[in-house]
Amino acid sequence: MKIDKNQIIELLKSQGDHDKASQADSELPGQVDTDKDAGLLSKFGIDPMDLVKKLGGGGGLGGLLGS
């Protein structure tokens, strides 16, 4: 599944991890492939399967941020 880098950055920021968000912004491609980029995601403490569950449901960040 491909996910926009900005969604991942917002997820990290919402978790209060601005350092990782900044690092992810400079290292992740514009469209993150959860299969191909699994190693990069794990570097930032993100489980690709959890990410797909959270963002893949069509709810976008609304489901992640509780709004």
N, C-alpha and C. Protein backbone atom coordinates (compact mmCIF):
# COMPACT_ATOMS: atom_id res chain seq x y z
N MET A 1 0.84 -1.17 0.00
CA MET A 1 0.00 0.00 0.00
C MET A 1 0.89 1.24 0.00
N LYS A 2 0.50 2.23 -0.79
CA LYS A 2 1.26 3.48 -0.82
C LYS A 2 0.56 4.52 0.04
N ILE A 3 1.35 5.20 0.85
CA ILE A 3 0.84 6.22 1.77
C ILE A 3 1.66 7.48 1.58
N ASP A 4 0.99 8.61 1.54
CA ASP A 4 1.68 9.88 1.40
C ASP A 4 2.59 10.13 2.60
N LYS A 5 3.80 10.56 2.31
CA LYS A 5 4.79 10.82 3.37
C LYS A 5 4.24 11.77 4.43
N ASN A 6 3.47 12.76 4.02
CA ASN A 6 2.95 13.74 4.98
C ASN A 6 2.05 13.11 6.03
N GLN A 7 1.33 12.05 5.66
CA GLN A 7 0.49 11.37 6.65
C GLN A 7 1.35 10.72 7.73
N ILE A 8 2.47 10.17 7.32
CA ILE A 8 3.37 9.52 8.28
C ILE A 8 4.02 10.57 9.17
N ILE A 9 4.40 11.69 8.59
CA ILE A 9 5.00 12.77 9.38
C ILE A 9 3.99 13.30 10.40
N GLU A 10 2.75 13.48 9.98
CA GLU A 10 1.71 13.95 10.91
C GLU A 10 1.48 12.94 12.02
N LEU A 11 1.55 11.66 11.69
CA LEU A 11 1.40 10.62 12.71
C LEU A 11 2.50 10.75 13.75
N LEU A 12 3.74 10.89 13.30
CA LEU A 12 4.85 11.02 14.24
C LEU A 12 4.70 12.28 15.10
N LYS A 13 4.28 13.38 14.48
CA LYS A 13 4.08 14.62 15.24
C LYS A 13 2.97 14.45 16.27
N SER A 14 1.90 13.76 15.88
CA SER A 14 0.78 13.56 16.80
C SER A 14 1.18 12.72 18.00
N GLN A 15 2.24 11.92 17.82
CA GLN A 15 2.75 11.11 18.93
C GLN A 15 3.79 11.88 19.73
N GLY A 16 4.02 13.14 19.35
CA GLY A 16 4.96 13.98 20.08
C GLY A 16 6.41 13.75 19.69
N ASP A 17 6.65 13.06 18.60
CA ASP A 17 8.02 12.74 18.21
C ASP A 17 8.46 13.62 17.03
N HIS A 18 8.73 14.89 17.33
CA HIS A 18 9.06 15.86 16.29
C HIS A 18 10.44 15.60 15.68
N ASP A 19 11.36 15.03 16.46
CA ASP A 19 12.68 14.71 15.92
C ASP A 19 12.58 13.64 14.84
N LYS A 20 11.82 12.58 15.14
CA LYS A 20 11.64 11.52 14.14
C LYS A 20 10.85 12.04 12.95
N ALA A 21 9.89 12.91 13.20
CA ALA A 21 9.10 13.48 12.10
C ALA A 21 10.00 14.26 11.15
N SER A 22 10.90 15.04 11.70
CA SER A 22 11.83 15.82 10.88
C SER A 22 12.76 14.90 10.09
N GLN A 23 13.25 13.88 10.75
CA GLN A 23 14.14 12.93 10.10
C GLN A 23 13.39 12.17 9.00
N ALA A 24 12.16 11.76 9.28
CA ALA A 24 11.35 11.05 8.28
C ALA A 24 11.09 11.94 7.08
N ASP A 25 10.87 13.23 7.32
CA ASP A 25 10.61 14.16 6.23
C ASP A 25 11.77 14.20 5.25
N SER A 26 12.99 14.10 5.78
CA SER A 26 14.15 14.18 4.90
C SER A 26 14.53 12.83 4.28
N GLU A 27 14.08 11.72 4.86
CA GLU A 27 14.52 10.41 4.38
C GLU A 27 13.47 9.62 3.61
N LEU A 28 12.20 9.85 3.89
CA LEU A 28 11.16 9.07 3.22
C LEU A 28 10.86 9.63 1.83
N PRO A 29 10.51 8.74 0.91
CA PRO A 29 10.07 9.23 -0.42
C PRO A 29 8.69 9.86 -0.31
N GLY A 30 8.28 10.60 -1.32
CA GLY A 30 6.99 11.28 -1.31
C GLY A 30 5.82 10.33 -1.11
N GLN A 31 5.89 9.19 -1.77
CA GLN A 31 4.90 8.13 -1.60
C GLN A 31 5.61 6.94 -0.97
N VAL A 32 5.21 6.57 0.22
CA VAL A 32 5.85 5.48 0.94
C VAL A 32 5.11 4.18 0.64
N ASP A 33 5.84 3.20 0.15
CA ASP A 33 5.29 1.88 -0.10
C ASP A 33 5.51 1.05 1.16
N THR A 34 4.43 0.63 1.82
CA THR A 34 4.56 -0.06 3.10
C THR A 34 5.33 -1.37 3.00
N ASP A 35 5.36 -1.97 1.81
CA ASP A 35 6.14 -3.20 1.63
C ASP A 35 7.60 -2.87 1.34
N LYS A 36 7.81 -2.07 0.31
CA LYS A 36 9.16 -1.75 -0.13
C LYS A 36 9.93 -0.94 0.91
N ASP A 37 9.25 -0.05 1.61
CA ASP A 37 9.90 0.85 2.56
C ASP A 37 9.73 0.42 4.02
N ALA A 38 9.42 -0.84 4.24
CA ALA A 38 9.19 -1.34 5.60
C ALA A 38 10.39 -1.09 6.51
N GLY A 39 11.60 -1.24 5.97
CA GLY A 39 12.81 -1.02 6.77
C GLY A 39 12.92 0.42 7.22
N LEU A 40 12.61 1.34 6.33
CA LEU A 40 12.65 2.76 6.69
C LEU A 40 11.60 3.08 7.75
N LEU A 41 10.39 2.53 7.57
CA LEU A 41 9.33 2.78 8.53
C LEU A 41 9.71 2.27 9.92
N SER A 42 10.30 1.08 9.98
CA SER A 42 10.68 0.53 11.28
C SER A 42 11.77 1.37 11.94
N LYS A 43 12.59 2.01 11.12
CA LYS A 43 13.62 2.91 11.65
C LYS A 43 12.99 4.04 12.47
N PHE A 44 11.78 4.42 12.09
CA PHE A 44 11.08 5.50 12.79
C PHE A 44 10.06 4.97 13.81
N GLY A 45 10.15 3.67 14.08
CA GLY A 45 9.29 3.07 15.09
C GLY A 45 7.87 2.84 14.61
N ILE A 46 7.70 2.70 13.29
CA ILE A 46 6.37 2.50 12.74
C ILE A 46 6.28 1.08 12.18
N ASP A 47 5.28 0.35 12.64
CA ASP A 47 5.01 -0.98 12.11
C ASP A 47 4.17 -0.83 10.85
N PRO A 48 4.67 -1.28 9.71
CA PRO A 48 3.93 -1.11 8.45
C PRO A 48 2.51 -1.66 8.49
N MET A 49 2.31 -2.79 9.16
CA MET A 49 0.96 -3.37 9.22
C MET A 49 0.03 -2.49 10.06
N ASP A 50 0.53 -1.94 11.16
CA ASP A 50 -0.28 -1.02 11.96
C ASP A 50 -0.63 0.22 11.16
N LEU A 51 0.33 0.69 10.39
CA LEU A 51 0.12 1.88 9.57
C LEU A 51 -0.99 1.63 8.54
N VAL A 52 -0.95 0.47 7.91
CA VAL A 52 -1.98 0.13 6.92
C VAL A 52 -3.35 0.06 7.60
N LYS A 53 -3.40 -0.53 8.78
CA LYS A 53 -4.68 -0.63 9.51
C LYS A 53 -5.22 0.75 9.86
N LYS A 54 -4.33 1.64 10.30
CA LYS A 54 -4.75 2.97 10.73
C LYS A 54 -5.12 3.87 9.55
N LEU A 55 -4.30 3.85 8.50
CA LEU A 55 -4.51 4.76 7.39
C LEU A 55 -5.26 4.11 6.23
N GLY A 56 -5.27 2.81 6.17
CA GLY A 56 -5.88 2.12 5.05
C GLY A 56 -7.39 2.00 5.14
N GLY A 57 -7.95 2.33 6.29
CA GLY A 57 -9.39 2.19 6.47
C GLY A 57 -10.20 3.29 5.84
N GLY A 58 -9.53 4.23 5.16
CA GLY A 58 -10.25 5.31 4.51
C GLY A 58 -10.51 6.46 5.46
N GLY A 59 -10.20 6.30 6.73
CA GLY A 59 -10.45 7.36 7.70
C GLY A 59 -9.34 8.38 7.76
N GLY A 60 -8.24 8.12 7.07
CA GLY A 60 -7.12 9.05 7.10
C GLY A 60 -6.61 9.24 8.51
N LEU A 61 -6.12 10.42 8.79
CA LEU A 61 -5.59 10.69 10.13
C LEU A 61 -6.67 10.85 11.17
N GLY A 62 -7.92 11.01 10.74
CA GLY A 62 -9.01 11.15 11.71
C GLY A 62 -9.04 10.00 12.69
N GLY A 63 -8.81 8.80 12.20
CA GLY A 63 -8.79 7.64 13.08
C GLY A 63 -7.59 7.64 13.99
N LEU A 64 -6.50 8.24 13.56
CA LEU A 64 -5.29 8.27 14.37
C LEU A 64 -5.35 9.34 15.44
N LEU A 65 -5.96 10.46 15.10
CA LEU A 65 -5.96 11.60 16.01
C LEU A 65 -7.21 11.67 16.88
N GLY A 66 -8.14 10.76 16.64
CA GLY A 66 -9.35 10.72 17.45
C GLY A 66 -10.30 11.87 17.17
N SER A 67 -10.20 12.48 16.00
CA SER A 67 -11.11 13.58 15.72
C SER A 67 -12.01 13.25 14.55
